[in-house]
Protein backbone atom coordinates (compact mmCIF):
# COMPACT_ATOMS: atom_id res chain seq x y z
CA UNK A 1 0.00 0.00 0.00
CA UNK A 2 1.23 3.47 -0.84
CA UNK A 3 0.54 7.16 -0.41
CA UNK A 4 -0.60 7.98 -3.93
CA UNK A 5 -1.15 11.72 -3.61
CA UNK A 6 -1.38 14.59 -1.16
CA UNK A 7 -2.51 18.21 -1.50
CA UNK A 8 -3.25 21.12 0.80
CA UNK A 9 -5.83 23.88 0.45
CA UNK A 10 -6.30 27.13 2.32
CA UNK A 11 -8.92 29.86 2.69
CA UNK A 12 -8.16 32.87 0.51
CA UNK A 13 -7.74 35.24 3.45
CA UNK A 14 -4.02 35.32 4.32
CA UNK A 15 -2.48 37.70 6.85
CA UNK A 16 0.93 38.65 8.15
CA UNK A 17 1.34 37.73 11.81
CA UNK A 18 1.91 41.36 12.76
CA UNK A 19 -1.46 42.31 11.29
CA UNK A 20 -3.14 39.56 13.30
CA UNK A 21 -1.41 40.63 16.51
CA UNK A 22 -2.64 44.20 16.01
CA UNK A 23 -6.17 42.92 15.43
CA UNK A 24 -6.05 40.79 18.58
CA UNK A 25 -4.85 43.75 20.62
CA UNK A 26 -7.83 45.77 19.37
CA UNK A 27 -10.10 42.77 19.92
CA UNK A 28 -9.22 42.42 23.59
CA UNK A 29 -8.23 46.04 24.19
CA UNK A 30 -8.04 47.06 27.84
CA UNK A 31 -8.84 43.52 28.99
CA UNK A 32 -5.15 42.68 28.47
CA UNK A 33 -3.30 43.75 31.61
CA UNK A 34 0.14 43.39 30.04
CA UNK A 35 0.21 44.00 26.25
CA UNK A 36 3.99 43.49 26.16
CA UNK A 37 3.57 40.00 27.62
CA UNK A 38 1.07 39.16 24.89
CA UNK A 39 3.47 40.43 22.22
CA UNK A 40 6.23 38.24 23.62
CA UNK A 41 3.98 35.18 23.62
CA UNK A 42 2.99 35.82 20.01
CA UNK A 43 6.61 36.37 18.95
CA UNK A 44 7.63 32.99 20.36
CA UNK A 45 5.21 30.88 18.30
CA UNK A 46 7.42 30.97 15.21
CA UNK A 47 4.67 31.89 12.73
CA UNK A 48 5.03 34.48 9.94
CA UNK A 49 1.69 34.20 8.14
CA UNK A 50 -1.65 32.45 8.59
CA UNK A 51 -4.79 31.87 6.58
CA UNK A 52 -8.19 32.59 8.14
CA UNK A 53 -11.58 31.17 7.26
CA UNK A 54 -13.12 34.66 7.15
CA UNK A 55 -11.97 38.19 6.41
CA UNK A 56 -10.45 39.64 9.55
CA UNK A 57 -13.19 42.18 10.17
CA UNK A 58 -15.92 39.51 10.24
CA UNK A 59 -14.60 37.86 13.43
CA UNK A 60 -15.92 40.70 15.57
CA UNK A 61 -19.45 39.55 14.69
CA UNK A 62 -19.00 35.93 15.78
CA UNK A 63 -20.92 36.35 19.00
CA UNK A 64 -22.22 32.78 19.28
CA UNK A 65 -20.87 29.28 18.76
CA UNK A 66 -23.66 28.61 16.28
CA UNK A 67 -22.55 31.45 14.01
CA UNK A 68 -18.95 30.25 14.08
CA UNK A 69 -19.94 26.65 13.43
CA UNK A 70 -22.10 27.61 10.44
CA UNK A 71 -19.04 29.23 8.88
CA UNK A 72 -17.04 26.08 9.69
CA UNK A 73 -19.55 23.94 7.76
CA UNK A 74 -19.40 26.22 4.73
CA UNK A 75 -15.63 26.74 4.55
CA UNK A 76 -14.81 23.13 5.45
CA UNK A 77 -16.66 21.99 2.35
CA UNK A 78 -14.92 24.53 0.14
CA UNK A 79 -11.33 23.77 1.12
CA UNK A 80 -12.00 20.08 1.75
CA UNK A 81 -13.16 19.75 -1.85
CA UNK A 82 -10.17 21.72 -3.12
CA UNK A 83 -7.71 19.54 -1.18
CA UNK A 84 -9.29 16.29 -2.36
CA UNK A 85 -9.34 17.46 -5.99
CA UNK A 86 -5.67 18.37 -5.70
CA UNK A 87 -4.71 14.99 -4.26
CA UNK A 88 -6.70 13.17 -6.95
CA UNK A 89 -5.04 15.20 -9.72
CA UNK A 90 -1.58 14.43 -8.39
CA UNK A 91 -2.31 10.74 -7.97
CA UNK A 92 -3.93 10.15 -11.35
CA UNK A 93 -6.95 8.55 -9.70
CA UNK A 94 -10.55 9.62 -10.27
CA UNK A 95 -13.35 10.06 -7.76
CA UNK A 96 -14.79 6.75 -9.03
CA UNK A 97 -11.68 4.98 -7.70
CA UNK A 98 -12.44 5.91 -4.09
CA UNK A 99 -13.69 3.17 -1.81
CA UNK A 100 -13.54 4.94 1.56
CA UNK A 101 -13.37 8.49 2.88
CA UNK A 102 -11.97 9.35 6.32
CA UNK A 103 -12.82 12.91 7.37
CA UNK A 104 -11.01 14.34 10.42
CA UNK A 105 -11.50 17.63 12.23
CA UNK A 106 -11.68 18.98 15.76
CA UNK A 107 -12.75 22.60 15.13
CA UNK A 108 -16.41 22.17 14.19
CA UNK A 109 -19.27 19.69 14.05
CA UNK A 110 -21.97 18.78 11.55
CA UNK A 111 -24.57 16.10 10.99
CA UNK A 112 -24.73 15.06 8.22
CA UNK A 113 -20.95 15.24 8.50
CA UNK A 114 -18.74 17.04 5.99
CA UNK A 115 -17.88 13.82 4.17
CA UNK A 116 -21.58 13.29 3.38
CA UNK A 117 -21.87 16.85 2.11
CA UNK A 118 -18.82 16.34 -0.10
CA UNK A 119 -20.45 13.30 -1.71
CA UNK A 120 -23.32 15.55 -2.79
CA UNK A 121 -21.08 18.48 -3.64
CA UNK A 122 -18.53 16.50 -5.70
CA UNK A 123 -20.62 13.62 -7.01
CA UNK A 124 -18.54 11.05 -5.14
CA UNK A 125 -19.53 7.35 -5.32
CA UNK A 126 -22.75 6.66 -3.43
CA UNK A 127 -21.27 3.40 -2.13
CA UNK A 128 -18.33 5.23 -0.56
CA UNK A 129 -17.64 4.07 3.00
CA UNK A 130 -17.65 7.18 5.21
CA UNK A 131 -15.69 7.42 8.44
CA UNK A 132 -16.00 10.85 10.11
CA UNK A 133 -13.57 11.20 13.03
CA UNK A 134 -13.86 13.94 15.66
CA UNK A 135 -11.78 14.59 18.77
CA UNK A 136 -8.29 13.36 17.88
CA UNK A 137 -7.00 16.89 17.30
CA UNK A 138 -3.41 17.31 16.17
CA UNK A 139 -2.81 13.57 15.92
CA UNK A 140 -5.72 12.96 13.53
CA UNK A 141 -3.86 13.50 10.25
CA UNK A 142 -1.39 10.74 11.05
CA UNK A 143 -4.18 8.60 12.55
CA UNK A 144 -6.24 9.09 9.39
CA UNK A 145 -3.40 7.73 7.25
CA UNK A 146 -3.02 4.78 9.61
CA UNK A 147 -6.74 3.95 9.54
CA UNK A 148 -6.81 4.33 5.75
CA UNK A 149 -3.86 1.93 5.58
CA UNK A 150 -5.82 -0.55 7.70
CA UNK A 151 -8.68 -0.24 5.23
CA UNK A 152 -6.71 -0.84 2.04
CA UNK A 153 -4.84 -3.69 3.72
CA UNK A 154 -8.22 -5.42 3.86
CA UNK A 155 -9.26 -4.14 0.43
CA UNK A 156 -6.03 -4.03 -1.67
CA UNK A 157 -7.84 -3.14 -4.89
CA UNK A 158 -9.29 0.06 -3.41
CA UNK A 159 -8.18 3.63 -2.73
CA UNK A 160 -9.01 5.44 0.52
CA UNK A 161 -9.04 9.21 0.96
CA UNK A 162 -8.20 11.12 4.14
CA UNK A 163 -9.37 14.73 4.40
CA UNK A 164 -8.32 16.90 7.34
CA UNK A 165 -9.95 20.31 7.73
CA UNK A 166 -9.20 22.61 10.65
CA UNK A 167 -10.55 26.15 11.01
CA UNK A 168 -8.94 27.02 14.31
CA UNK A 169 -9.70 30.73 14.07
CA UNK A 170 -13.41 30.00 14.43
CA UNK A 171 -12.83 28.60 17.92
CA UNK A 172 -11.34 31.80 19.38
CA UNK A 173 -12.93 32.62 22.74
CA UNK A 174 -13.62 36.31 23.20
CA UNK A 175 -13.53 36.30 27.00
CA UNK A 176 -10.71 33.79 27.58
CA UNK A 177 -7.52 35.63 28.54
CA UNK A 178 -5.66 32.54 29.74
CA UNK A 179 -2.07 32.02 28.63
CA UNK A 180 -3.20 28.96 26.67
CA UNK A 181 -5.71 30.99 24.66
CA UNK A 182 -3.27 33.85 24.09
CA UNK A 183 -0.71 31.39 22.72
CA UNK A 184 -3.23 29.53 20.56
CA UNK A 185 -4.55 32.82 19.13
CA UNK A 186 -1.11 33.33 17.61
CA UNK A 187 -0.13 29.74 16.85
CA UNK A 188 -3.07 28.02 15.13
CA UNK A 189 -4.12 28.66 11.54
CA UNK A 190 -6.79 27.48 9.12
CA UNK A 191 -6.34 24.99 6.31
CA UNK A 192 -7.01 21.55 4.88
CA UNK A 193 -5.12 18.66 3.36
CA UNK A 194 -6.08 15.43 1.65
CA UNK A 195 -4.14 12.19 1.22
CA UNK A 196 -4.91 9.21 -0.98
CA UNK A 197 -3.84 5.78 0.25
CA UNK A 198 -3.79 3.11 -2.45
CA UNK A 199 -4.05 -0.62 -1.88
CA UNK A 200 -1.28 -3.00 -2.89
CA UNK A 201 -3.05 -3.92 -6.12
CA UNK A 202 -3.24 -0.28 -7.31
CA UNK A 203 -0.27 1.34 -9.06
CA UNK A 204 1.26 4.40 -7.42
CA UNK A 205 4.69 6.03 -7.31
CA UNK A 206 4.31 7.37 -3.78
CA UNK A 207 6.03 6.09 -0.64
CA UNK A 208 5.08 2.64 0.63
CA UNK A 209 3.37 2.39 4.02
CA UNK A 210 5.26 -0.40 5.79
CA UNK A 211 3.70 -0.24 9.27
CA UNK A 212 1.72 1.94 11.67
CA UNK A 213 1.44 2.20 15.43
CA UNK A 214 -0.92 3.90 17.88
CA UNK A 215 0.24 4.63 21.43
CA UNK A 216 -2.06 5.89 24.19
CA UNK A 217 -0.74 7.41 27.43
CA UNK A 218 -3.17 6.60 30.28
CA UNK A 219 -4.46 9.33 32.58
CA UNK A 220 -3.11 12.19 30.46
CA UNK A 221 -6.35 13.63 29.12
CA UNK A 222 -5.66 16.93 30.92
CA UNK A 223 -2.65 17.67 28.69
CA UNK A 224 -4.52 18.86 25.58
CA UNK A 225 -8.03 19.13 24.21
CA UNK A 226 -11.17 21.25 24.50
CA UNK A 227 -13.42 22.29 27.33
CA UNK A 228 -16.81 22.47 25.61
CA UNK A 229 -19.52 24.85 26.81
CA UNK A 230 -22.39 26.89 25.41
CA UNK A 231 -19.71 29.27 24.08
CA UNK A 232 -18.00 26.59 22.03
CA UNK A 233 -14.51 25.13 22.21
CA UNK A 234 -12.13 26.48 24.86
CA UNK A 235 -8.53 25.40 24.39
CA UNK A 236 -6.82 23.12 26.91
CA UNK A 237 -3.08 23.36 26.36
CA UNK A 238 -0.87 22.27 29.24
CA UNK A 239 2.76 23.18 29.79
CA UNK A 240 3.31 19.44 30.13
CA UNK A 241 3.16 18.76 26.39
CA UNK A 242 6.93 19.07 25.81
CA UNK A 243 7.51 16.93 28.89
CA UNK A 244 5.29 14.19 27.45
CA UNK A 245 7.32 14.34 24.24
CA UNK A 246 10.54 13.97 26.24
CA UNK A 247 9.17 11.11 28.30
CA UNK A 248 7.60 8.97 25.59
CA UNK A 249 8.44 9.76 21.97
CA UNK A 250 11.94 8.31 21.68
CA UNK A 251 11.09 5.02 23.40
CA UNK A 252 7.90 4.67 21.35
CA UNK A 253 9.75 5.32 18.08
CA UNK A 254 12.58 2.95 19.02
CA UNK A 255 10.17 0.14 19.95
CA UNK A 256 8.24 0.67 16.71
CA UNK A 257 11.40 0.60 14.62
CA UNK A 258 12.79 -2.42 16.45
CA UNK A 259 9.64 -4.38 15.64
CA UNK A 260 10.36 -3.56 11.99
CA UNK A 261 14.07 -4.52 12.23
CA UNK A 262 15.18 -0.89 12.03
CA UNK A 263 16.80 1.73 14.25
CA UNK A 264 16.68 5.52 14.39
CA UNK A 265 19.91 5.67 12.36
CA UNK A 266 18.06 4.01 9.46
CA UNK A 267 15.56 6.85 9.15
CA UNK A 268 16.47 9.30 6.40
CA UNK A 269 13.67 11.84 6.87
CA UNK A 270 11.29 12.86 9.64
CA UNK A 271 7.79 14.03 8.69
CA UNK A 272 6.54 15.54 11.93
CA UNK A 273 3.56 17.61 13.04
CA UNK A 274 4.24 21.35 13.37
CA UNK A 275 3.12 21.59 16.98
CA UNK A 276 5.00 24.81 17.73
CA UNK A 277 8.58 25.78 18.63
CA UNK A 278 8.65 24.11 22.04
CA UNK A 279 7.22 20.88 20.60
CA UNK A 280 9.63 20.78 17.66
CA UNK A 281 12.56 21.57 19.93
CA UNK A 282 11.51 18.86 22.39
CA UNK A 283 11.11 16.39 19.54
CA UNK A 284 14.59 17.11 18.17
CA UNK A 285 16.13 16.67 21.61
CA UNK A 286 14.15 13.51 22.41
CA UNK A 287 15.08 11.84 19.12
CA UNK A 288 18.63 13.26 19.10
CA UNK A 289 18.13 14.70 15.62
CA UNK A 290 20.54 16.99 13.74
CA UNK A 291 19.61 20.65 13.44
CA UNK A 292 18.18 20.46 9.92
CA UNK A 293 16.22 17.21 10.36
CA UNK A 294 12.98 19.07 11.09
CA UNK A 295 13.50 21.96 8.67
CA UNK A 296 10.38 21.03 6.66
CA UNK A 297 8.23 21.17 9.78
CA UNK A 298 9.75 24.51 10.81
CA UNK A 299 9.16 25.97 7.34
CA UNK A 300 5.52 24.83 7.29
CA UNK A 301 4.98 26.27 10.77
CA UNK A 302 6.31 29.66 9.64
CA UNK A 303 4.13 29.70 6.50
CA UNK A 304 0.80 28.50 7.91
CA UNK A 305 0.95 28.10 11.68
CA UNK A 306 -0.19 24.97 13.46
CA UNK A 307 -3.08 23.49 11.44
CA UNK A 308 -3.89 20.81 14.02
CA UNK A 309 -4.70 17.55 12.19
CA UNK A 310 -3.78 18.94 8.75
CA UNK A 311 -0.27 20.02 9.77
CA UNK A 312 1.54 16.72 9.36
CA UNK A 313 -0.16 16.22 5.99
CA UNK A 314 1.14 19.61 4.83
CA UNK A 315 4.64 18.53 5.87
CA UNK A 316 4.12 15.29 3.94
CA UNK A 317 3.16 17.35 0.90
CA UNK A 318 6.36 19.38 1.33
CA UNK A 319 8.39 16.16 1.12
CA UNK A 320 6.47 14.69 -1.80
CA UNK A 321 6.53 17.86 -3.91
CA UNK A 322 9.77 19.64 -2.94
CA UNK A 323 12.03 17.43 -0.79
CA UNK A 324 11.40 13.94 -2.09
CA UNK A 325 13.89 11.53 -0.49
CA UNK A 326 15.98 9.16 -2.57
CA UNK A 327 14.47 5.82 -3.51
CA UNK A 328 14.72 3.33 -0.67
CA UNK A 329 14.84 5.99 2.07
CA UNK A 330 12.91 5.19 5.26
CA UNK A 331 10.79 7.94 6.85
CA UNK A 332 8.81 8.29 10.03
CA UNK A 333 5.58 10.30 9.85
CA UNK A 334 4.38 11.16 13.34
CA UNK A 335 2.04 13.34 15.36
CA UNK A 336 0.81 13.57 18.94
CA UNK A 337 -2.49 14.86 20.26
CA UNK A 338 -5.36 14.72 22.76
CA UNK A 339 -5.65 11.53 24.72
CA UNK A 340 -2.71 12.06 25.16
CA UNK A 341 -1.43 9.82 22.38
CA UNK A 342 0.86 9.41 19.40
CA UNK A 343 0.55 7.95 15.91
CA UNK A 344 3.56 6.63 14.00
CA UNK A 345 3.71 5.66 10.32
CA UNK A 346 6.76 4.00 8.74
CA UNK A 347 7.31 4.86 5.08
CA UNK A 348 9.76 3.72 2.42
CA UNK A 349 10.29 5.84 -0.69
């Protein structure tokens, strides 16, 4: 089974980080006791530009969760379709080739889910197996690939699509002045990505998926996620996230590689979620990686911010389109997220 194609898609509204910081300062105004502290937090997130689901001036009118979620439903369909069309074009497959569609998001909800709406919108096969996944957050892009790989392992003649759409800007809480919300208001962006996973009996020139692994860390649900109320999604982002990376990632990767008769020294490229500077730094230290090993993740973070589930797929696109490893190179694709948990995918180019 292989990754046959990947493509990203973004809302048309793109802003320099300095413009967004100025807008946030106006947004919260005198509620911020220490504007300099906020500026320092924003400067540390390592983001230069971000895309937003709506024009900047329209966010002031998002006074209810319902209004924000209605925009999520509309924009998720638009960029989800664009991402899937891009992945199909790059793979050479048609919509009629799709046997399953995994849709992942953690920034909005809909029933019928977005995958159902895309069937109507795009004329996708009516026998398509739909698997909407909510709640996995940043880990969901990697998890989506893993679950799609499980599917085509059972159905080697089929192609499965994974679509990740995250519109993080629509979750911004107007009255939440916590450090976590101040950081997330500068770190997270909006975007989508789609990946096609082809079964072993379908031709593709993408990297081969050799193995996957899911790891759950018991009693760590307080580390990351949402508190959900009548006002919508309120970010939970603990300072413990880098510590969890330090404690678990290296041993999990080593055990996974050992079970596949490999070691860290055999890995030629690392396709990792753009969690933020502290996460990327902790990852490099934990895995003892050279300085440039995560350059693709750093570059994607600067260009788009943290896109939650779509981030690791955007980094995958960067490798497939601009930094394709030599034939035979092993790669690890990985992300971590609410649970707390990690997903690992072993690739060979």
